[in-house]
């Protein structure tokens, strides 16, 4: 697999996913991804993207229930 940014070689590994959303910040460690050995860009497969979106939606619901989403 080739990196879309720099054309470097992609290797399976894990990375950290950070998100800032509606006044909160959270980090998901050890997310499986394809990592470019040249520039470090990470690409997630469909399954990981779906899991990340599920986590974000669950947190949004909890934060909304607390009344902190503006």
PDB file of N, CA and C in Angstrom:
ATOM      1  N   UNK A   1       0.855  -1.179   0.000  1.00  0.00           N
ATOM      2  CA  UNK A   1       0.000   0.000   0.000  1.00  0.00           C
ATOM      3  C   UNK A   1       0.893   1.231   0.000  1.00  0.00           C
ATOM      4  N   UNK A   2       0.461   2.257  -0.741  1.00  0.00           N
ATOM      5  CA  UNK A   2       1.247   3.472  -0.901  1.00  0.00           C
ATOM      6  C   UNK A   2       0.548   4.662  -0.243  1.00  0.00           C
ATOM      7  N   UNK A   3       1.305   5.491   0.455  1.00  0.00           N
ATOM      8  CA  UNK A   3       0.779   6.693   1.098  1.00  0.00           C
ATOM      9  C   UNK A   3       0.262   7.666   0.042  1.00  0.00           C
ATOM     10  N   UNK A   4      -0.938   8.194   0.264  1.00  0.00           N
ATOM     11  CA  UNK A   4      -1.528   9.140  -0.672  1.00  0.00           C
ATOM     12  C   UNK A   4      -0.827  10.498  -0.653  1.00  0.00           C
ATOM     13  N   UNK A   5      -0.170  10.815   0.457  1.00  0.00           N
ATOM     14  CA  UNK A   5       0.488  12.118   0.572  1.00  0.00           C
ATOM     15  C   UNK A   5       1.888  12.134  -0.033  1.00  0.00           C
ATOM     16  N   UNK A   6       2.714  11.155   0.374  1.00  0.00           N
ATOM     17  CA  UNK A   6       4.127  11.209  -0.016  1.00  0.00           C
ATOM     18  C   UNK A   6       4.583  10.017  -0.849  1.00  0.00           C
ATOM     19  N   UNK A   7       3.683   9.066  -1.068  1.00  0.00           N
ATOM     20  CA  UNK A   7       3.967   7.851  -1.844  1.00  0.00           C
ATOM     21  C   UNK A   7       4.896   6.889  -1.112  1.00  0.00           C
ATOM     22  N   UNK A   8       5.058   7.074   0.200  1.00  0.00           N
ATOM     23  CA  UNK A   8       5.864   6.175   1.021  1.00  0.00           C
ATOM     24  C   UNK A   8       5.168   4.836   1.234  1.00  0.00           C
ATOM     25  N   UNK A   9       5.865   3.906   1.828  1.00  0.00           N
ATOM     26  CA  UNK A   9       5.354   2.561   2.096  1.00  0.00           C
ATOM     27  C   UNK A   9       4.509   2.555   3.367  1.00  0.00           C
ATOM     28  N   UNK A  10       3.304   1.982   3.279  1.00  0.00           N
ATOM     29  CA  UNK A  10       2.405   1.889   4.425  1.00  0.00           C
ATOM     30  C   UNK A  10       2.603   0.547   5.115  1.00  0.00           C
ATOM     31  N   UNK A  11       2.632   0.583   6.453  1.00  0.00           N
ATOM     32  CA  UNK A  11       2.792  -0.628   7.248  1.00  0.00           C
ATOM     33  C   UNK A  11       1.702  -0.669   8.307  1.00  0.00           C
ATOM     34  N   UNK A  12       1.223  -1.882   8.620  1.00  0.00           N
ATOM     35  CA  UNK A  12       0.224  -2.045   9.676  1.00  0.00           C
ATOM     36  C   UNK A  12       0.845  -1.696  11.012  1.00  0.00           C
ATOM     37  N   UNK A  13       0.099  -0.989  11.829  1.00  0.00           N
ATOM     38  CA  UNK A  13       0.564  -0.625  13.156  1.00  0.00           C
ATOM     39  C   UNK A  13      -0.608  -0.077  13.961  1.00  0.00           C
ATOM     40  N   UNK A  14      -0.304   0.693  14.982  1.00  0.00           N
ATOM     41  CA  UNK A  14      -1.336   1.363  15.763  1.00  0.00           C
ATOM     42  C   UNK A  14      -0.950   2.823  15.927  1.00  0.00           C
ATOM     43  N   UNK A  15      -1.960   3.636  16.187  1.00  0.00           N
ATOM     44  CA  UNK A  15      -1.726   5.060  16.368  1.00  0.00           C
ATOM     45  C   UNK A  15      -2.719   5.601  17.392  1.00  0.00           C
ATOM     46  N   UNK A  16      -2.530   6.841  17.739  1.00  0.00           N
ATOM     47  CA  UNK A  16      -3.423   7.539  18.661  1.00  0.00           C
ATOM     48  C   UNK A  16      -4.393   8.380  17.837  1.00  0.00           C
ATOM     49  N   UNK A  17      -5.668   8.378  18.221  1.00  0.00           N
ATOM     50  CA  UNK A  17      -6.679   9.197  17.564  1.00  0.00           C
ATOM     51  C   UNK A  17      -7.133  10.259  18.557  1.00  0.00           C
ATOM     52  N   UNK A  18      -6.982  11.525  18.186  1.00  0.00           N
ATOM     53  CA  UNK A  18      -7.378  12.660  19.033  1.00  0.00           C
ATOM     54  C   UNK A  18      -8.575  13.350  18.401  1.00  0.00           C
ATOM     55  N   UNK A  19      -9.474  13.831  19.247  1.00  0.00           N
ATOM     56  CA  UNK A  19     -10.610  14.591  18.733  1.00  0.00           C
ATOM     57  C   UNK A  19     -10.987  15.696  19.715  1.00  0.00           C
ATOM     58  N   UNK A  20     -11.264  16.864  19.152  1.00  0.00           N
ATOM     59  CA  UNK A  20     -11.830  18.002  19.889  1.00  0.00           C
ATOM     60  C   UNK A  20     -13.232  18.181  19.343  1.00  0.00           C
ATOM     61  N   UNK A  21     -14.217  18.195  20.241  1.00  0.00           N
ATOM     62  CA  UNK A  21     -15.596  18.224  19.773  1.00  0.00           C
ATOM     63  C   UNK A  21     -16.491  18.839  20.842  1.00  0.00           C
ATOM     64  N   UNK A  22     -17.261  19.833  20.480  1.00  0.00           N
ATOM     65  CA  UNK A  22     -18.260  20.418  21.371  1.00  0.00           C
ATOM     66  C   UNK A  22     -17.706  20.745  22.764  1.00  0.00           C
ATOM     67  N   UNK A  23     -16.492  21.248  22.815  1.00  0.00           N
ATOM     68  CA  UNK A  23     -15.931  21.661  24.087  1.00  0.00           C
ATOM     69  C   UNK A  23     -15.247  20.570  24.889  1.00  0.00           C
ATOM     70  N   UNK A  24     -15.102  19.399  24.340  1.00  0.00           N
ATOM     71  CA  UNK A  24     -14.357  18.357  25.041  1.00  0.00           C
ATOM     72  C   UNK A  24     -13.300  17.765  24.123  1.00  0.00           C
ATOM     73  N   UNK A  25     -12.312  17.148  24.736  1.00  0.00           N
ATOM     74  CA  UNK A  25     -11.198  16.530  24.015  1.00  0.00           C
ATOM     75  C   UNK A  25     -11.016  15.130  24.566  1.00  0.00           C
ATOM     76  N   UNK A  26     -10.856  14.170  23.674  1.00  0.00           N
ATOM     77  CA  UNK A  26     -10.501  12.848  24.152  1.00  0.00           C
ATOM     78  C   UNK A  26      -9.557  12.160  23.191  1.00  0.00           C
ATOM     79  N   UNK A  27      -8.896  11.133  23.702  1.00  0.00           N
ATOM     80  CA  UNK A  27      -7.863  10.412  22.974  1.00  0.00           C
ATOM     81  C   UNK A  27      -8.193   8.929  23.012  1.00  0.00           C
ATOM     82  N   UNK A  28      -8.062   8.286  21.863  1.00  0.00           N
ATOM     83  CA  UNK A  28      -8.209   6.837  21.790  1.00  0.00           C
ATOM     84  C   UNK A  28      -6.825   6.284  21.447  1.00  0.00           C
ATOM     85  N   UNK A  29      -6.264   5.500  22.340  1.00  0.00           N
ATOM     86  CA  UNK A  29      -4.934   4.922  22.137  1.00  0.00           C
ATOM     87  C   UNK A  29      -5.009   3.604  21.378  1.00  0.00           C
ATOM     88  N   UNK A  30      -3.924   3.256  20.741  1.00  0.00           N
ATOM     89  CA  UNK A  30      -3.739   1.941  20.117  1.00  0.00           C
ATOM     90  C   UNK A  30      -4.808   1.592  19.081  1.00  0.00           C
ATOM     91  N   UNK A  31      -5.120   2.532  18.200  1.00  0.00           N
ATOM     92  CA  UNK A  31      -6.080   2.277  17.128  1.00  0.00           C
ATOM     93  C   UNK A  31      -5.337   1.633  15.955  1.00  0.00           C
ATOM     94  N   UNK A  32      -5.776   0.464  15.499  1.00  0.00           N
ATOM     95  CA  UNK A  32      -5.123  -0.168  14.349  1.00  0.00           C
ATOM     96  C   UNK A  32      -5.230   0.743  13.121  1.00  0.00           C
ATOM     97  N   UNK A  33      -4.123   0.847  12.378  1.00  0.00           N
ATOM     98  CA  UNK A  33      -4.096   1.721  11.204  1.00  0.00           C
ATOM     99  C   UNK A  33      -2.952   1.312  10.290  1.00  0.00           C
ATOM    100  N   UNK A  34      -3.007   1.846   9.090  1.00  0.00           N
ATOM    101  CA  UNK A  34      -1.871   1.772   8.168  1.00  0.00           C
ATOM    102  C   UNK A  34      -1.073   3.047   8.389  1.00  0.00           C
ATOM    103  N   UNK A  35       0.221   2.906   8.698  1.00  0.00           N
ATOM    104  CA  UNK A  35       1.075   4.049   9.014  1.00  0.00           C
ATOM    105  C   UNK A  35       2.154   4.166   7.939  1.00  0.00           C
ATOM    106  N   UNK A  36       2.343   5.383   7.416  1.00  0.00           N
ATOM    107  CA  UNK A  36       3.382   5.609   6.417  1.00  0.00           C
ATOM    108  C   UNK A  36       4.748   5.610   7.087  1.00  0.00           C
ATOM    109  N   UNK A  37       5.656   4.791   6.561  1.00  0.00           N
ATOM    110  CA  UNK A  37       7.001   4.710   7.130  1.00  0.00           C
ATOM    111  C   UNK A  37       7.826   5.947   6.799  1.00  0.00           C
ATOM    112  N   UNK A  38       7.364   6.753   5.850  1.00  0.00           N
ATOM    113  CA  UNK A  38       8.112   7.941   5.441  1.00  0.00           C
ATOM    114  C   UNK A  38       7.626   9.213   6.144  1.00  0.00           C
ATOM    115  N   UNK A  39       6.307   9.472   6.108  1.00  0.00           N
ATOM    116  CA  UNK A  39       5.796  10.731   6.674  1.00  0.00           C
ATOM    117  C   UNK A  39       4.975  10.542   7.954  1.00  0.00           C
ATOM    118  N   UNK A  40       4.613   9.300   8.292  1.00  0.00           N
ATOM    119  CA  UNK A  40       3.882   9.031   9.518  1.00  0.00           C
ATOM    120  C   UNK A  40       2.374   9.186   9.422  1.00  0.00           C
ATOM    121  N   UNK A  41       1.862   9.534   8.250  1.00  0.00           N
ATOM    122  CA  UNK A  41       0.413   9.676   8.056  1.00  0.00           C
ATOM    123  C   UNK A  41      -0.275   8.344   8.358  1.00  0.00           C
ATOM    124  N   UNK A  42      -1.420   8.418   9.038  1.00  0.00           N
ATOM    125  CA  UNK A  42      -2.165   7.211   9.397  1.00  0.00           C
ATOM    126  C   UNK A  42      -3.459   7.139   8.593  1.00  0.00           C
ATOM    127  N   UNK A  43      -3.765   5.938   8.126  1.00  0.00           N
ATOM    128  CA  UNK A  43      -5.010   5.675   7.417  1.00  0.00           C
ATOM    129  C   UNK A  43      -5.731   4.552   8.138  1.00  0.00           C
ATOM    130  N   UNK A  44      -7.025   4.751   8.388  1.00  0.00           N
ATOM    131  CA  UNK A  44      -7.825   3.770   9.108  1.00  0.00           C
ATOM    132  C   UNK A  44      -8.683   2.971   8.134  1.00  0.00           C
ATOM    133  N   UNK A  45      -8.832   1.699   8.428  1.00  0.00           N
ATOM    134  CA  UNK A  45      -9.721   0.866   7.633  1.00  0.00           C
ATOM    135  C   UNK A  45     -11.163   1.122   8.071  1.00  0.00           C
ATOM    136  N   UNK A  46     -12.100   0.683   7.259  1.00  0.00           N
ATOM    137  CA  UNK A  46     -13.517   0.946   7.476  1.00  0.00           C
ATOM    138  C   UNK A  46     -13.991   0.506   8.861  1.00  0.00           C
ATOM    139  N   UNK A  47     -13.535  -0.641   9.330  1.00  0.00           N
ATOM    140  CA  UNK A  47     -13.952  -1.155  10.643  1.00  0.00           C
ATOM    141  C   UNK A  47     -13.530  -0.220  11.772  1.00  0.00           C
ATOM    142  N   UNK A  48     -12.303   0.288  11.701  1.00  0.00           N
ATOM    143  CA  UNK A  48     -11.826   1.200  12.740  1.00  0.00           C
ATOM    144  C   UNK A  48     -12.583   2.531  12.691  1.00  0.00           C
ATOM    145  N   UNK A  49     -12.864   3.018  11.489  1.00  0.00           N
ATOM    146  CA  UNK A  49     -13.619   4.259  11.343  1.00  0.00           C
ATOM    147  C   UNK A  49     -15.002   4.099  11.975  1.00  0.00           C
ATOM    148  N   UNK A  50     -15.642   2.966  11.722  1.00  0.00           N
ATOM    149  CA  UNK A  50     -16.973   2.711  12.292  1.00  0.00           C
ATOM    150  C   UNK A  50     -16.913   2.687  13.816  1.00  0.00           C
ATOM    151  N   UNK A  51     -15.890   2.055  14.374  1.00  0.00           N
ATOM    152  CA  UNK A  51     -15.759   2.006  15.837  1.00  0.00           C
ATOM    153  C   UNK A  51     -15.510   3.385  16.424  1.00  0.00           C
ATOM    154  N   UNK A  52     -14.662   4.165  15.778  1.00  0.00           N
ATOM    155  CA  UNK A  52     -14.391   5.526  16.242  1.00  0.00           C
ATOM    156  C   UNK A  52     -15.679   6.351  16.222  1.00  0.00           C
ATOM    157  N   UNK A  53     -16.453   6.235  15.143  1.00  0.00           N
ATOM    158  CA  UNK A  53     -17.704   6.977  15.041  1.00  0.00           C
ATOM    159  C   UNK A  53     -18.695   6.550  16.126  1.00  0.00           C
ATOM    160  N   UNK A  54     -18.744   5.270  16.449  1.00  0.00           N
ATOM    161  CA  UNK A  54     -19.613   4.785  17.528  1.00  0.00           C
ATOM    162  C   UNK A  54     -19.222   5.410  18.861  1.00  0.00           C
ATOM    163  N   UNK A  55     -17.920   5.466  19.121  1.00  0.00           N
ATOM    164  CA  UNK A  55     -17.428   6.063  20.369  1.00  0.00           C
ATOM    165  C   UNK A  55     -17.806   7.541  20.434  1.00  0.00           C
ATOM    166  N   UNK A  56     -17.582   8.259  19.337  1.00  0.00           N
ATOM    167  CA  UNK A  56     -17.898   9.684  19.291  1.00  0.00           C
ATOM    168  C   UNK A  56     -19.392   9.913  19.526  1.00  0.00           C
ATOM    169  N   UNK A  57     -20.230   9.125  18.878  1.00  0.00           N
ATOM    170  CA  UNK A  57     -21.675   9.279  19.044  1.00  0.00           C
ATOM    171  C   UNK A  57     -22.101   8.994  20.484  1.00  0.00           C
ATOM    172  N   UNK A  58     -21.507   7.966  21.101  1.00  0.00           N
ATOM    173  CA  UNK A  58     -21.843   7.634  22.490  1.00  0.00           C
ATOM    174  C   UNK A  58     -21.442   8.772  23.432  1.00  0.00           C
ATOM    175  N   UNK A  59     -20.271   9.350  23.211  1.00  0.00           N
ATOM    176  CA  UNK A  59     -19.827  10.463  24.047  1.00  0.00           C
ATOM    177  C   UNK A  59     -20.723  11.683  23.819  1.00  0.00           C
ATOM    178  N   UNK A  60     -21.075  11.956  22.561  1.00  0.00           N
ATOM    179  CA  UNK A  60     -21.979  13.078  22.268  1.00  0.00           C
ATOM    180  C   UNK A  60     -23.292  12.937  23.029  1.00  0.00           C
ATOM    181  N   UNK A  61     -23.853  11.743  23.060  1.00  0.00           N
ATOM    182  CA  UNK A  61     -25.118  11.503  23.773  1.00  0.00           C
ATOM    183  C   UNK A  61     -24.941  11.794  25.260  1.00  0.00           C
ATOM    184  N   UNK A  62     -23.855  11.288  25.840  1.00  0.00           N
ATOM    185  CA  UNK A  62     -23.610  11.506  27.274  1.00  0.00           C
ATOM    186  C   UNK A  62     -23.413  12.986  27.577  1.00  0.00           C
ATOM    187  N   UNK A  63     -22.642  13.677  26.763  1.00  0.00           N
ATOM    188  CA  UNK A  63     -22.387  15.094  26.989  1.00  0.00           C
ATOM    189  C   UNK A  63     -23.671  15.884  26.817  1.00  0.00           C
ATOM    190  N   UNK A  64     -24.462  15.541  25.812  1.00  0.00           N
ATOM    191  CA  UNK A  64     -25.739  16.234  25.576  1.00  0.00           C
ATOM    192  C   UNK A  64     -26.676  16.061  26.766  1.00  0.00           C
ATOM    193  N   UNK A  65     -26.685  14.876  27.350  1.00  0.00           N
ATOM    194  CA  UNK A  65     -27.530  14.636  28.525  1.00  0.00           C
ATOM    195  C   UNK A  65     -27.108  15.482  29.709  1.00  0.00           C
ATOM    196  N   UNK A  66     -25.830  15.795  29.775  1.00  0.00           N
ATOM    197  CA  UNK A  66     -25.334  16.649  30.851  1.00  0.00           C
ATOM    198  C   UNK A  66     -25.606  18.125  30.580  1.00  0.00           C
ATOM    199  N   UNK A  67     -26.014  18.430  29.337  1.00  0.00           N
ATOM    200  CA  UNK A  67     -26.342  19.812  28.984  1.00  0.00           C
ATOM    201  C   UNK A  67     -25.157  20.657  28.643  1.00  0.00           C
ATOM    202  N   UNK A  68     -24.044  20.034  28.239  1.00  0.00           N
ATOM    203  CA  UNK A  68     -22.826  20.795  27.925  1.00  0.00           C
ATOM    204  C   UNK A  68     -22.611  21.036  26.451  1.00  0.00           C
ATOM    205  N   UNK A  69     -23.435  20.512  25.589  1.00  0.00           N
ATOM    206  CA  UNK A  69     -23.260  20.744  24.166  1.00  0.00           C
ATOM    207  C   UNK A  69     -23.969  22.035  23.801  1.00  0.00           C
ATOM    208  N   UNK A  70     -23.255  22.922  23.106  1.00  0.00           N
ATOM    209  CA  UNK A  70     -23.871  24.213  22.802  1.00  0.00           C
ATOM    210  C   UNK A  70     -24.099  24.457  21.406  1.00  0.00           C
TER     211      UNK A  70
END
